[in-house]
Amino acid sequence: MRGVLKKLKRPAKRLLDPADWGSFRSFEPKSRHYGVDRGTALVRHYIEAFLQEDPGDVHGVVLEVASDAYARRFGGSRIELTEVVSIAAGPGVTIVGGPAFAAAAAEEHFPCIILTQTLCFIYDAKAALQSCHDALQPGGVLLLTVPGICQISSFDDGLTGDYWRFTAASTPRLLGEVFAVVDVRSYGNVLAAVAYLHGIAKEELTSQELD
């Protein structure tokens, strides 16, 4: 006795709400510079929201990458001194080198390190985190932001390399291999993600859309 196999037809799919792509149906983003040429980079909205949640963490001698703008803004009178680390000399830069260099030169020196949107450009991300850990005083705080989704930075990719994007699962696991206490917070939504990939500026979305 032979069994009979019948091929079942799949039900036809019907688009009930077809997407209206408009000017976004393009292979090129609106901006190749994260929207800085259109206004404020959208990601700054989330970075600043994160730093505002626990501003008391920014105090004493603070190490920041590229500039001390966030240290000054969120630390205010709690700041004793700021150190700025960059891979190239420039205005305000006090330490030339990467975060690992800064840590080696100042072990257990900083009560606070602000490392925003930098870890993705360091291939050995765990070693960089270990360097930050070693540079912190006991009980010190690393305020770290990393991208979950964004364009490849052509400038940084040509300078140091653009290697990583992080998730709410990978970030606490990576940090937990170095730090004893980890608090990871995620920000954004699908609209903000699409806008960020296209280089749409912060001013082109409402606060309600961003939050």
N, C-alpha and C. Protein backbone atom coordinates (compact mmCIF):
# COMPACT_ATOMS: atom_id res chain seq x y z
N MET A 1 0.85 -1.19 0.00
CA MET A 1 0.00 0.00 0.00
C MET A 1 0.89 1.24 0.00
N ARG A 2 0.66 2.10 -0.97
CA ARG A 2 1.48 3.27 -1.08
C ARG A 2 0.76 4.50 -0.55
N GLY A 3 1.51 5.29 0.19
CA GLY A 3 0.93 6.54 0.68
C GLY A 3 0.92 7.58 -0.43
N VAL A 4 -0.02 8.46 -0.35
CA VAL A 4 -0.14 9.53 -1.35
C VAL A 4 0.22 10.85 -0.67
N LEU A 5 1.23 11.53 -1.19
CA LEU A 5 1.64 12.81 -0.64
C LEU A 5 1.03 13.93 -1.48
N LYS A 6 0.32 14.80 -0.82
CA LYS A 6 -0.30 15.92 -1.50
C LYS A 6 0.46 17.20 -1.19
N LYS A 7 0.72 17.97 -2.21
CA LYS A 7 1.40 19.25 -2.04
C LYS A 7 0.35 20.30 -1.68
N LEU A 8 0.48 20.83 -0.47
CA LEU A 8 -0.48 21.82 -0.01
C LEU A 8 -0.12 23.19 -0.54
N LYS A 9 -1.10 23.93 -0.99
CA LYS A 9 -0.87 25.28 -1.47
C LYS A 9 -0.77 26.25 -0.31
N ARG A 10 0.22 27.10 -0.35
CA ARG A 10 0.34 28.12 0.68
C ARG A 10 -0.64 29.25 0.39
N PRO A 11 -1.27 29.75 1.43
CA PRO A 11 -2.20 30.85 1.20
C PRO A 11 -1.47 32.08 0.68
N ALA A 12 -2.07 32.75 -0.27
CA ALA A 12 -1.46 33.94 -0.85
C ALA A 12 -1.37 35.04 0.19
N LYS A 13 -0.25 35.73 0.21
CA LYS A 13 -0.07 36.83 1.16
C LYS A 13 -0.51 38.13 0.50
N ARG A 14 -1.23 38.92 1.26
CA ARG A 14 -1.73 40.19 0.75
C ARG A 14 -1.24 41.31 1.65
N LEU A 15 -0.63 42.30 1.07
CA LEU A 15 -0.14 43.43 1.84
C LEU A 15 -1.30 44.32 2.22
N LEU A 16 -1.62 44.30 3.51
CA LEU A 16 -2.74 45.10 3.98
C LEU A 16 -2.33 46.56 4.18
N ASP A 17 -1.02 46.77 4.43
CA ASP A 17 -0.55 48.12 4.71
C ASP A 17 0.79 48.32 3.99
N PRO A 18 0.77 48.48 2.68
CA PRO A 18 2.03 48.61 1.93
C PRO A 18 2.81 49.84 2.37
N ALA A 19 4.12 49.69 2.44
CA ALA A 19 4.98 50.78 2.90
C ALA A 19 5.05 51.89 1.86
N ASP A 20 4.99 53.11 2.33
CA ASP A 20 5.18 54.27 1.48
C ASP A 20 6.60 54.78 1.71
N TRP A 21 7.52 54.37 0.84
CA TRP A 21 8.92 54.68 1.03
C TRP A 21 9.25 56.13 0.71
N GLY A 22 8.54 56.72 -0.19
CA GLY A 22 8.83 58.11 -0.55
C GLY A 22 10.28 58.28 -0.97
N SER A 23 10.92 59.33 -0.47
CA SER A 23 12.31 59.62 -0.84
C SER A 23 13.31 58.69 -0.15
N PHE A 24 12.83 57.81 0.73
CA PHE A 24 13.74 56.88 1.41
C PHE A 24 14.03 55.64 0.57
N ARG A 25 13.34 55.49 -0.56
CA ARG A 25 13.61 54.35 -1.44
C ARG A 25 14.87 54.67 -2.26
N SER A 26 15.98 54.59 -1.58
CA SER A 26 17.25 55.00 -2.17
C SER A 26 18.37 54.15 -1.61
N PHE A 27 19.41 53.98 -2.42
CA PHE A 27 20.58 53.23 -1.97
C PHE A 27 21.55 54.12 -1.20
N GLU A 28 21.35 55.40 -1.25
CA GLU A 28 22.21 56.34 -0.56
C GLU A 28 21.47 57.02 0.58
N PRO A 29 22.11 57.21 1.74
CA PRO A 29 21.46 57.91 2.85
C PRO A 29 21.35 59.40 2.56
N LYS A 30 20.56 60.08 3.36
CA LYS A 30 20.42 61.53 3.22
C LYS A 30 21.73 62.23 3.58
N SER A 31 22.48 61.64 4.51
CA SER A 31 23.74 62.22 4.96
C SER A 31 24.72 61.10 5.26
N ARG A 32 25.97 61.30 4.88
CA ARG A 32 27.04 60.34 5.21
C ARG A 32 27.78 60.76 6.48
N HIS A 33 27.24 61.76 7.18
CA HIS A 33 27.94 62.31 8.35
C HIS A 33 27.04 62.28 9.59
N TYR A 34 26.24 61.23 9.70
CA TYR A 34 25.36 61.04 10.87
C TYR A 34 24.36 62.19 11.05
N GLY A 35 24.16 63.00 10.02
CA GLY A 35 23.22 64.12 10.12
C GLY A 35 23.82 65.40 10.65
N VAL A 36 25.13 65.41 10.93
CA VAL A 36 25.78 66.61 11.45
C VAL A 36 25.70 67.75 10.45
N ASP A 37 25.72 67.42 9.16
CA ASP A 37 25.62 68.44 8.12
C ASP A 37 24.18 68.93 7.92
N ARG A 38 23.23 68.31 8.63
CA ARG A 38 21.83 68.72 8.55
C ARG A 38 21.35 69.37 9.85
N GLY A 39 22.10 69.14 10.93
CA GLY A 39 21.71 69.63 12.24
C GLY A 39 22.53 68.92 13.31
N THR A 40 21.85 68.40 14.34
CA THR A 40 22.52 67.66 15.42
C THR A 40 22.41 66.16 15.16
N ALA A 41 23.49 65.45 15.34
CA ALA A 41 23.43 63.99 15.17
C ALA A 41 22.36 63.42 16.09
N LEU A 42 21.48 62.62 15.54
CA LEU A 42 20.35 62.07 16.29
C LEU A 42 20.79 61.32 17.54
N VAL A 43 21.90 60.62 17.45
CA VAL A 43 22.36 59.81 18.57
C VAL A 43 22.66 60.65 19.80
N ARG A 44 22.97 61.94 19.61
CA ARG A 44 23.26 62.82 20.74
C ARG A 44 22.08 62.91 21.69
N HIS A 45 20.88 62.79 21.16
CA HIS A 45 19.69 62.82 22.01
C HIS A 45 19.73 61.72 23.06
N TYR A 46 20.14 60.53 22.64
CA TYR A 46 20.16 59.38 23.55
C TYR A 46 21.38 59.40 24.47
N ILE A 47 22.52 59.84 23.93
CA ILE A 47 23.72 59.95 24.77
C ILE A 47 23.46 60.91 25.93
N GLU A 48 22.88 62.06 25.62
CA GLU A 48 22.64 63.06 26.65
C GLU A 48 21.56 62.62 27.63
N ALA A 49 20.57 61.87 27.15
CA ALA A 49 19.55 61.33 28.05
C ALA A 49 20.18 60.36 29.04
N PHE A 50 21.12 59.55 28.57
CA PHE A 50 21.82 58.60 29.43
C PHE A 50 22.66 59.33 30.48
N LEU A 51 23.42 60.32 30.06
CA LEU A 51 24.29 61.03 30.99
C LEU A 51 23.51 61.86 32.00
N GLN A 52 22.31 62.27 31.64
CA GLN A 52 21.48 63.05 32.55
C GLN A 52 20.85 62.21 33.65
N GLU A 53 20.77 60.90 33.43
CA GLU A 53 20.08 60.05 34.40
C GLU A 53 20.83 59.96 35.73
N ASP A 54 22.14 59.96 35.69
CA ASP A 54 22.96 59.87 36.91
C ASP A 54 24.10 60.89 36.84
N PRO A 55 23.79 62.18 36.81
CA PRO A 55 24.85 63.18 36.63
C PRO A 55 25.86 63.21 37.77
N GLY A 56 25.47 62.72 38.96
CA GLY A 56 26.40 62.69 40.09
C GLY A 56 27.61 61.80 39.85
N ASP A 57 27.53 60.91 38.87
CA ASP A 57 28.67 60.05 38.55
C ASP A 57 29.82 60.84 37.94
N VAL A 58 29.51 61.98 37.36
CA VAL A 58 30.53 62.81 36.71
C VAL A 58 31.10 63.77 37.74
N HIS A 59 32.27 63.44 38.26
CA HIS A 59 32.85 64.26 39.32
C HIS A 59 34.35 64.01 39.41
N GLY A 60 35.03 64.88 40.17
CA GLY A 60 36.46 64.71 40.39
C GLY A 60 37.26 64.91 39.11
N VAL A 61 38.25 64.06 38.91
CA VAL A 61 39.08 64.10 37.70
C VAL A 61 38.45 63.17 36.67
N VAL A 62 38.01 63.73 35.56
CA VAL A 62 37.25 62.97 34.57
C VAL A 62 38.04 62.84 33.29
N LEU A 63 38.09 61.62 32.75
CA LEU A 63 38.72 61.36 31.46
C LEU A 63 37.61 61.23 30.41
N GLU A 64 37.75 61.97 29.32
CA GLU A 64 36.78 61.89 28.23
C GLU A 64 37.53 61.80 26.91
N VAL A 65 36.88 61.25 25.90
CA VAL A 65 37.50 61.07 24.59
C VAL A 65 37.15 62.26 23.69
N ALA A 66 38.14 62.78 23.00
CA ALA A 66 38.01 63.81 21.96
C ALA A 66 37.78 65.22 22.50
N SER A 67 36.92 65.39 23.51
CA SER A 67 36.71 66.70 24.13
C SER A 67 36.15 66.49 25.52
N ASP A 68 36.14 67.56 26.33
CA ASP A 68 35.60 67.44 27.69
C ASP A 68 34.22 68.08 27.79
N ALA A 69 33.53 68.18 26.65
CA ALA A 69 32.24 68.88 26.60
C ALA A 69 31.20 68.25 27.53
N TYR A 70 31.11 66.93 27.51
CA TYR A 70 30.12 66.27 28.37
C TYR A 70 30.53 66.32 29.83
N ALA A 71 31.81 66.19 30.10
CA ALA A 71 32.28 66.27 31.49
C ALA A 71 31.93 67.63 32.07
N ARG A 72 32.19 68.69 31.33
CA ARG A 72 31.88 70.04 31.80
C ARG A 72 30.38 70.26 31.92
N ARG A 73 29.64 69.78 30.96
CA ARG A 73 28.19 70.01 30.94
C ARG A 73 27.49 69.29 32.08
N PHE A 74 27.84 68.03 32.31
CA PHE A 74 27.11 67.23 33.29
C PHE A 74 27.80 67.18 34.65
N GLY A 75 29.08 67.54 34.71
CA GLY A 75 29.77 67.55 35.99
C GLY A 75 29.71 68.88 36.69
N GLY A 76 29.75 69.96 35.92
CA GLY A 76 29.66 71.30 36.49
C GLY A 76 30.69 71.55 37.58
N SER A 77 30.23 72.03 38.72
CA SER A 77 31.12 72.37 39.84
C SER A 77 31.71 71.14 40.51
N ARG A 78 31.21 69.95 40.20
CA ARG A 78 31.76 68.72 40.79
C ARG A 78 33.08 68.31 40.13
N ILE A 79 33.41 68.94 39.00
CA ILE A 79 34.63 68.61 38.28
C ILE A 79 35.83 69.30 38.91
N GLU A 80 36.87 68.54 39.17
CA GLU A 80 38.15 69.10 39.64
C GLU A 80 39.09 69.35 38.45
N LEU A 81 39.10 68.40 37.53
CA LEU A 81 40.01 68.48 36.39
C LEU A 81 39.49 67.55 35.31
N THR A 82 39.71 67.93 34.06
CA THR A 82 39.37 67.03 32.96
C THR A 82 40.61 66.69 32.17
N GLU A 83 40.68 65.45 31.75
CA GLU A 83 41.73 64.99 30.84
C GLU A 83 41.03 64.53 29.56
N VAL A 84 41.59 64.92 28.43
CA VAL A 84 41.01 64.56 27.13
C VAL A 84 41.99 63.68 26.38
N VAL A 85 41.55 62.49 26.00
CA VAL A 85 42.40 61.56 25.26
C VAL A 85 41.95 61.51 23.81
N SER A 86 42.90 61.52 22.90
CA SER A 86 42.62 61.42 21.47
C SER A 86 43.81 60.78 20.79
N ILE A 87 43.55 60.13 19.67
CA ILE A 87 44.67 59.48 18.96
C ILE A 87 45.52 60.50 18.23
N ALA A 88 45.04 61.75 18.15
CA ALA A 88 45.81 62.81 17.50
C ALA A 88 45.80 64.05 18.37
N ALA A 89 46.91 64.79 18.35
CA ALA A 89 46.99 66.03 19.11
C ALA A 89 46.02 67.06 18.54
N GLY A 90 45.48 67.90 19.42
CA GLY A 90 44.54 68.92 18.98
C GLY A 90 44.17 69.82 20.14
N PRO A 91 43.35 70.84 19.89
CA PRO A 91 42.93 71.76 20.95
C PRO A 91 42.25 71.02 22.11
N GLY A 92 42.74 71.23 23.31
CA GLY A 92 42.14 70.62 24.49
C GLY A 92 42.61 69.22 24.80
N VAL A 93 43.32 68.58 23.87
CA VAL A 93 43.78 67.20 24.08
C VAL A 93 44.97 67.21 25.04
N THR A 94 44.84 66.43 26.12
CA THR A 94 45.92 66.36 27.11
C THR A 94 46.68 65.05 27.06
N ILE A 95 46.07 64.02 26.48
CA ILE A 95 46.72 62.71 26.35
C ILE A 95 46.56 62.24 24.92
N VAL A 96 47.66 62.03 24.23
CA VAL A 96 47.62 61.54 22.85
C VAL A 96 47.80 60.02 22.87
N GLY A 97 46.82 59.33 22.33
CA GLY A 97 46.83 57.87 22.32
C GLY A 97 45.42 57.36 22.48
N GLY A 98 45.25 56.06 22.52
CA GLY A 98 43.94 55.47 22.73
C GLY A 98 43.64 55.31 24.20
N PRO A 99 42.42 54.82 24.53
CA PRO A 99 42.06 54.60 25.94
C PRO A 99 43.04 53.71 26.69
N ALA A 100 43.64 52.74 26.00
CA ALA A 100 44.60 51.85 26.65
C ALA A 100 45.84 52.63 27.07
N PHE A 101 46.28 53.56 26.23
CA PHE A 101 47.44 54.38 26.57
C PHE A 101 47.14 55.24 27.79
N ALA A 102 45.95 55.81 27.81
CA ALA A 102 45.56 56.67 28.93
C ALA A 102 45.55 55.89 30.23
N ALA A 103 45.06 54.66 30.17
CA ALA A 103 44.98 53.84 31.38
C ALA A 103 46.38 53.49 31.89
N ALA A 104 47.26 53.16 30.95
CA ALA A 104 48.62 52.78 31.35
C ALA A 104 49.35 53.94 32.02
N ALA A 105 49.00 55.16 31.59
CA ALA A 105 49.68 56.33 32.14
C ALA A 105 49.06 56.82 33.44
N ALA A 106 47.89 56.31 33.76
CA ALA A 106 47.18 56.84 34.93
C ALA A 106 46.38 55.75 35.63
N GLU A 107 47.03 54.74 36.13
CA GLU A 107 46.35 53.63 36.79
C GLU A 107 45.67 54.09 38.08
N GLU A 108 44.40 53.67 38.23
CA GLU A 108 43.59 53.99 39.40
C GLU A 108 43.59 55.50 39.69
N HIS A 109 43.40 56.27 38.66
CA HIS A 109 43.48 57.72 38.79
C HIS A 109 42.12 58.41 38.69
N PHE A 110 41.25 57.88 37.87
CA PHE A 110 40.01 58.59 37.56
C PHE A 110 38.80 58.03 38.32
N PRO A 111 37.99 58.90 38.94
CA PRO A 111 36.72 58.44 39.49
C PRO A 111 35.64 58.29 38.43
N CYS A 112 35.88 58.87 37.24
CA CYS A 112 34.89 58.79 36.17
C CYS A 112 35.57 58.84 34.81
N ILE A 113 35.15 57.95 33.91
CA ILE A 113 35.59 57.97 32.51
C ILE A 113 34.34 58.04 31.64
N ILE A 114 34.31 58.97 30.69
CA ILE A 114 33.21 59.08 29.74
C ILE A 114 33.71 58.61 28.38
N LEU A 115 33.16 57.50 27.91
CA LEU A 115 33.60 56.88 26.66
C LEU A 115 32.39 56.73 25.75
N THR A 116 32.12 57.74 24.93
CA THR A 116 30.92 57.72 24.08
C THR A 116 31.26 57.38 22.64
N GLN A 117 30.52 56.41 22.09
CA GLN A 117 30.59 56.03 20.67
C GLN A 117 32.04 55.83 20.19
N THR A 118 32.82 55.14 21.00
CA THR A 118 34.24 54.93 20.69
C THR A 118 34.60 53.45 20.60
N LEU A 119 33.98 52.63 21.42
CA LEU A 119 34.37 51.22 21.52
C LEU A 119 34.22 50.49 20.19
N CYS A 120 33.30 50.92 19.35
CA CYS A 120 33.08 50.26 18.06
C CYS A 120 34.29 50.40 17.12
N PHE A 121 35.16 51.39 17.40
CA PHE A 121 36.33 51.62 16.56
C PHE A 121 37.59 50.97 17.10
N ILE A 122 37.46 50.17 18.16
CA ILE A 122 38.61 49.50 18.77
C ILE A 122 38.42 47.99 18.58
N TYR A 123 39.32 47.37 17.82
CA TYR A 123 39.14 45.95 17.51
C TYR A 123 39.13 45.10 18.77
N ASP A 124 40.10 45.31 19.66
CA ASP A 124 40.15 44.54 20.90
C ASP A 124 39.34 45.29 21.96
N ALA A 125 38.04 45.21 21.83
CA ALA A 125 37.14 45.97 22.70
C ALA A 125 37.30 45.58 24.16
N LYS A 126 37.48 44.30 24.42
CA LYS A 126 37.62 43.85 25.81
C LYS A 126 38.89 44.42 26.45
N ALA A 127 39.98 44.47 25.69
CA ALA A 127 41.22 45.04 26.23
C ALA A 127 41.05 46.51 26.55
N ALA A 128 40.30 47.22 25.71
CA ALA A 128 40.04 48.64 25.96
C ALA A 128 39.22 48.82 27.23
N LEU A 129 38.24 47.95 27.43
CA LEU A 129 37.44 48.01 28.65
C LEU A 129 38.29 47.70 29.88
N GLN A 130 39.19 46.74 29.75
CA GLN A 130 40.08 46.40 30.86
C GLN A 130 40.98 47.59 31.20
N SER A 131 41.44 48.30 30.19
CA SER A 131 42.26 49.48 30.41
C SER A 131 41.48 50.56 31.15
N CYS A 132 40.23 50.74 30.77
CA CYS A 132 39.37 51.71 31.47
C CYS A 132 39.18 51.28 32.92
N HIS A 133 38.96 50.00 33.13
CA HIS A 133 38.79 49.48 34.49
C HIS A 133 40.03 49.77 35.33
N ASP A 134 41.21 49.54 34.74
CA ASP A 134 42.46 49.75 35.48
C ASP A 134 42.71 51.23 35.76
N ALA A 135 42.18 52.10 34.90
CA ALA A 135 42.38 53.54 35.09
C ALA A 135 41.43 54.14 36.12
N LEU A 136 40.38 53.42 36.45
CA LEU A 136 39.40 53.93 37.41
C LEU A 136 39.86 53.72 38.85
N GLN A 137 39.55 54.68 39.69
CA GLN A 137 39.74 54.49 41.12
C GLN A 137 38.78 53.41 41.61
N PRO A 138 39.06 52.75 42.74
CA PRO A 138 38.09 51.81 43.31
C PRO A 138 36.75 52.50 43.51
N GLY A 139 35.69 51.91 42.99
CA GLY A 139 34.37 52.52 43.07
C GLY A 139 34.10 53.51 41.96
N GLY A 140 35.06 53.69 41.04
CA GLY A 140 34.88 54.62 39.93
C GLY A 140 33.87 54.10 38.91
N VAL A 141 33.45 55.00 38.02
CA VAL A 141 32.38 54.68 37.07
C VAL A 141 32.83 54.94 35.64
N LEU A 142 32.59 53.95 34.76
CA LEU A 142 32.75 54.14 33.33
C LEU A 142 31.37 54.41 32.74
N LEU A 143 31.19 55.57 32.13
CA LEU A 143 29.96 55.92 31.43
C LEU A 143 30.20 55.67 29.95
N LEU A 144 29.66 54.58 29.46
CA LEU A 144 29.95 54.08 28.12
C LEU A 144 28.69 54.10 27.25
N THR A 145 28.80 54.61 26.02
CA THR A 145 27.71 54.44 25.06
C THR A 145 28.27 53.76 23.82
N VAL A 146 27.47 52.86 23.25
CA VAL A 146 27.86 52.12 22.05
C VAL A 146 26.67 52.07 21.09
N PRO A 147 26.93 51.99 19.79
CA PRO A 147 25.83 51.93 18.83
C PRO A 147 25.27 50.52 18.69
N GLY A 148 23.96 50.44 18.54
CA GLY A 148 23.34 49.17 18.21
C GLY A 148 23.19 49.03 16.70
N ILE A 149 22.93 50.16 16.03
CA ILE A 149 22.80 50.18 14.58
C ILE A 149 23.18 51.56 14.10
N CYS A 150 24.02 51.64 13.10
CA CYS A 150 24.39 52.93 12.51
C CYS A 150 25.22 52.69 11.26
N GLN A 151 25.44 53.76 10.52
CA GLN A 151 26.29 53.68 9.33
C GLN A 151 27.73 53.31 9.72
N ILE A 152 28.46 52.78 8.75
CA ILE A 152 29.90 52.67 8.90
C ILE A 152 30.48 54.07 8.76
N SER A 153 31.34 54.45 9.68
CA SER A 153 31.97 55.75 9.61
C SER A 153 33.16 55.68 8.65
N SER A 154 33.04 56.33 7.49
CA SER A 154 34.12 56.27 6.51
C SER A 154 35.39 56.91 7.05
N PHE A 155 35.24 57.98 7.85
CA PHE A 155 36.41 58.65 8.42
C PHE A 155 37.13 57.74 9.40
N ASP A 156 36.40 57.20 10.38
CA ASP A 156 37.02 56.36 11.40
C ASP A 156 37.46 55.01 10.82
N ASP A 157 36.72 54.52 9.83
CA ASP A 157 37.09 53.25 9.22
C ASP A 157 38.45 53.38 8.53
N GLY A 158 38.71 54.54 7.93
CA GLY A 158 40.00 54.75 7.29
C GLY A 158 41.10 55.07 8.27
N LEU A 159 40.72 55.55 9.47
CA LEU A 159 41.71 55.96 10.46
C LEU A 159 42.11 54.82 11.40
N THR A 160 41.11 54.19 12.00
CA THR A 160 41.38 53.12 12.97
C THR A 160 40.67 51.81 12.63
N GLY A 161 39.61 51.90 11.82
CA GLY A 161 38.75 50.75 11.56
C GLY A 161 37.43 50.91 12.29
N ASP A 162 36.36 50.46 11.68
CA ASP A 162 35.03 50.49 12.29
C ASP A 162 34.56 49.05 12.38
N TYR A 163 34.58 48.48 13.61
CA TYR A 163 34.51 47.03 13.76
C TYR A 163 33.19 46.49 14.30
N TRP A 164 32.56 47.16 15.27
CA TRP A 164 31.53 46.49 16.06
C TRP A 164 30.23 47.29 16.14
N ARG A 165 29.12 46.54 16.31
CA ARG A 165 27.84 47.07 16.75
C ARG A 165 27.41 46.16 17.91
N PHE A 166 26.70 46.71 18.88
CA PHE A 166 26.42 45.98 20.12
C PHE A 166 24.92 45.85 20.36
N THR A 167 24.53 44.82 21.10
CA THR A 167 23.12 44.59 21.41
C THR A 167 22.92 44.59 22.92
N ALA A 168 21.65 44.55 23.31
CA ALA A 168 21.31 44.49 24.73
C ALA A 168 21.73 43.16 25.35
N ALA A 169 22.07 42.18 24.52
CA ALA A 169 22.55 40.89 25.02
C ALA A 169 24.07 40.86 25.09
N SER A 170 24.73 41.35 24.04
CA SER A 170 26.20 41.26 24.00
C SER A 170 26.88 42.27 24.93
N THR A 171 26.27 43.45 25.10
CA THR A 171 26.93 44.50 25.88
C THR A 171 27.10 44.12 27.35
N PRO A 172 26.04 43.70 28.06
CA PRO A 172 26.26 43.34 29.47
C PRO A 172 27.18 42.13 29.63
N ARG A 173 27.16 41.23 28.66
CA ARG A 173 28.04 40.06 28.76
C ARG A 173 29.50 40.48 28.63
N LEU A 174 29.79 41.36 27.66
CA LEU A 174 31.15 41.85 27.47
C LEU A 174 31.61 42.66 28.67
N LEU A 175 30.78 43.57 29.14
CA LEU A 175 31.14 44.40 30.29
C LEU A 175 31.31 43.56 31.56
N GLY A 176 30.46 42.54 31.70
CA GLY A 176 30.50 41.70 32.89
C GLY A 176 31.77 40.88 33.01
N GLU A 177 32.51 40.72 31.90
CA GLU A 177 33.78 40.01 31.95
C GLU A 177 34.89 40.87 32.54
N VAL A 178 34.61 42.17 32.71
CA VAL A 178 35.62 43.10 33.21
C VAL A 178 35.18 43.79 34.50
N PHE A 179 33.91 44.22 34.53
CA PHE A 179 33.41 45.01 35.65
C PHE A 179 32.51 44.18 36.55
N ALA A 180 32.57 44.48 37.86
CA ALA A 180 31.78 43.74 38.83
C ALA A 180 30.32 44.16 38.81
N VAL A 181 30.05 45.43 38.57
CA VAL A 181 28.68 45.94 38.56
C VAL A 181 28.41 46.57 37.20
N VAL A 182 27.36 46.11 36.54
CA VAL A 182 27.04 46.57 35.19
C VAL A 182 25.57 46.96 35.12
N ASP A 183 25.29 48.12 34.53
CA ASP A 183 23.91 48.58 34.33
C ASP A 183 23.79 49.03 32.88
N VAL A 184 23.08 48.25 32.08
CA VAL A 184 22.95 48.54 30.66
C VAL A 184 21.54 49.00 30.35
N ARG A 185 21.43 50.09 29.60
CA ARG A 185 20.14 50.66 29.22
C ARG A 185 20.09 50.83 27.70
N SER A 186 18.96 50.48 27.12
CA SER A 186 18.80 50.59 25.67
C SER A 186 17.88 51.76 25.34
N TYR A 187 18.17 52.43 24.23
CA TYR A 187 17.39 53.59 23.80
C TYR A 187 17.06 53.46 22.32
N GLY A 188 15.95 54.09 21.93
CA GLY A 188 15.62 54.16 20.51
C GLY A 188 14.42 53.31 20.13
N ASN A 189 14.09 53.34 18.85
CA ASN A 189 12.96 52.60 18.28
C ASN A 189 13.20 52.46 16.79
N VAL A 190 12.31 51.80 16.09
CA VAL A 190 12.54 51.51 14.68
C VAL A 190 12.59 52.80 13.85
N LEU A 191 11.76 53.78 14.17
CA LEU A 191 11.79 55.04 13.43
C LEU A 191 13.13 55.75 13.61
N ALA A 192 13.61 55.81 14.86
CA ALA A 192 14.89 56.45 15.13
C ALA A 192 16.03 55.69 14.44
N ALA A 193 15.95 54.36 14.41
CA ALA A 193 16.99 53.55 13.77
C ALA A 193 17.06 53.82 12.27
N VAL A 194 15.90 53.86 11.62
CA VAL A 194 15.86 54.15 10.18
C VAL A 194 16.38 55.55 9.92
N ALA A 195 15.95 56.51 10.74
CA ALA A 195 16.40 57.89 10.57
C ALA A 195 17.90 58.00 10.76
N TYR A 196 18.44 57.30 11.75
CA TYR A 196 19.88 57.37 12.03
C TYR A 196 20.68 56.77 10.88
N LEU A 197 20.19 55.67 10.31
CA LEU A 197 20.88 55.06 9.17
C LEU A 197 20.89 56.00 7.97
N HIS A 198 19.86 56.81 7.83
CA HIS A 198 19.78 57.74 6.71
C HIS A 198 20.50 59.06 7.01
N GLY A 199 20.98 59.24 8.23
CA GLY A 199 21.64 60.48 8.56
C GLY A 199 20.69 61.64 8.79
N ILE A 200 19.47 61.32 9.22
CA ILE A 200 18.49 62.36 9.54
C ILE A 200 18.90 63.02 10.86
N ALA A 201 18.79 64.32 10.94
CA ALA A 201 19.21 65.05 12.13
C ALA A 201 18.16 64.97 13.24
N LYS A 202 18.61 65.19 14.44
CA LYS A 202 17.73 65.19 15.61
C LYS A 202 16.57 66.15 15.45
N GLU A 203 16.84 67.33 14.87
CA GLU A 203 15.81 68.36 14.74
C GLU A 203 14.70 67.97 13.77
N GLU A 204 14.90 66.93 12.96
CA GLU A 204 13.91 66.52 11.98
C GLU A 204 12.89 65.53 12.54
N LEU A 205 13.08 65.12 13.80
CA LEU A 205 12.13 64.26 14.49
C LEU A 205 11.65 64.97 15.75
N THR A 206 10.46 64.64 16.19
CA THR A 206 9.95 65.24 17.43
C THR A 206 10.48 64.45 18.63
N SER A 207 10.42 65.06 19.79
CA SER A 207 10.85 64.36 21.02
C SER A 207 10.01 63.12 21.23
N GLN A 208 8.72 63.18 20.91
CA GLN A 208 7.84 62.00 21.07
C GLN A 208 8.30 60.86 20.16
N GLU A 209 8.69 61.18 18.94
CA GLU A 209 9.17 60.15 18.04
C GLU A 209 10.49 59.56 18.50
N LEU A 210 11.37 60.39 19.03
CA LEU A 210 12.66 59.90 19.49
C LEU A 210 12.52 59.03 20.74
N ASP A 211 11.60 59.39 21.63
CA ASP A 211 11.47 58.70 22.91
C ASP A 211 10.45 57.57 22.91
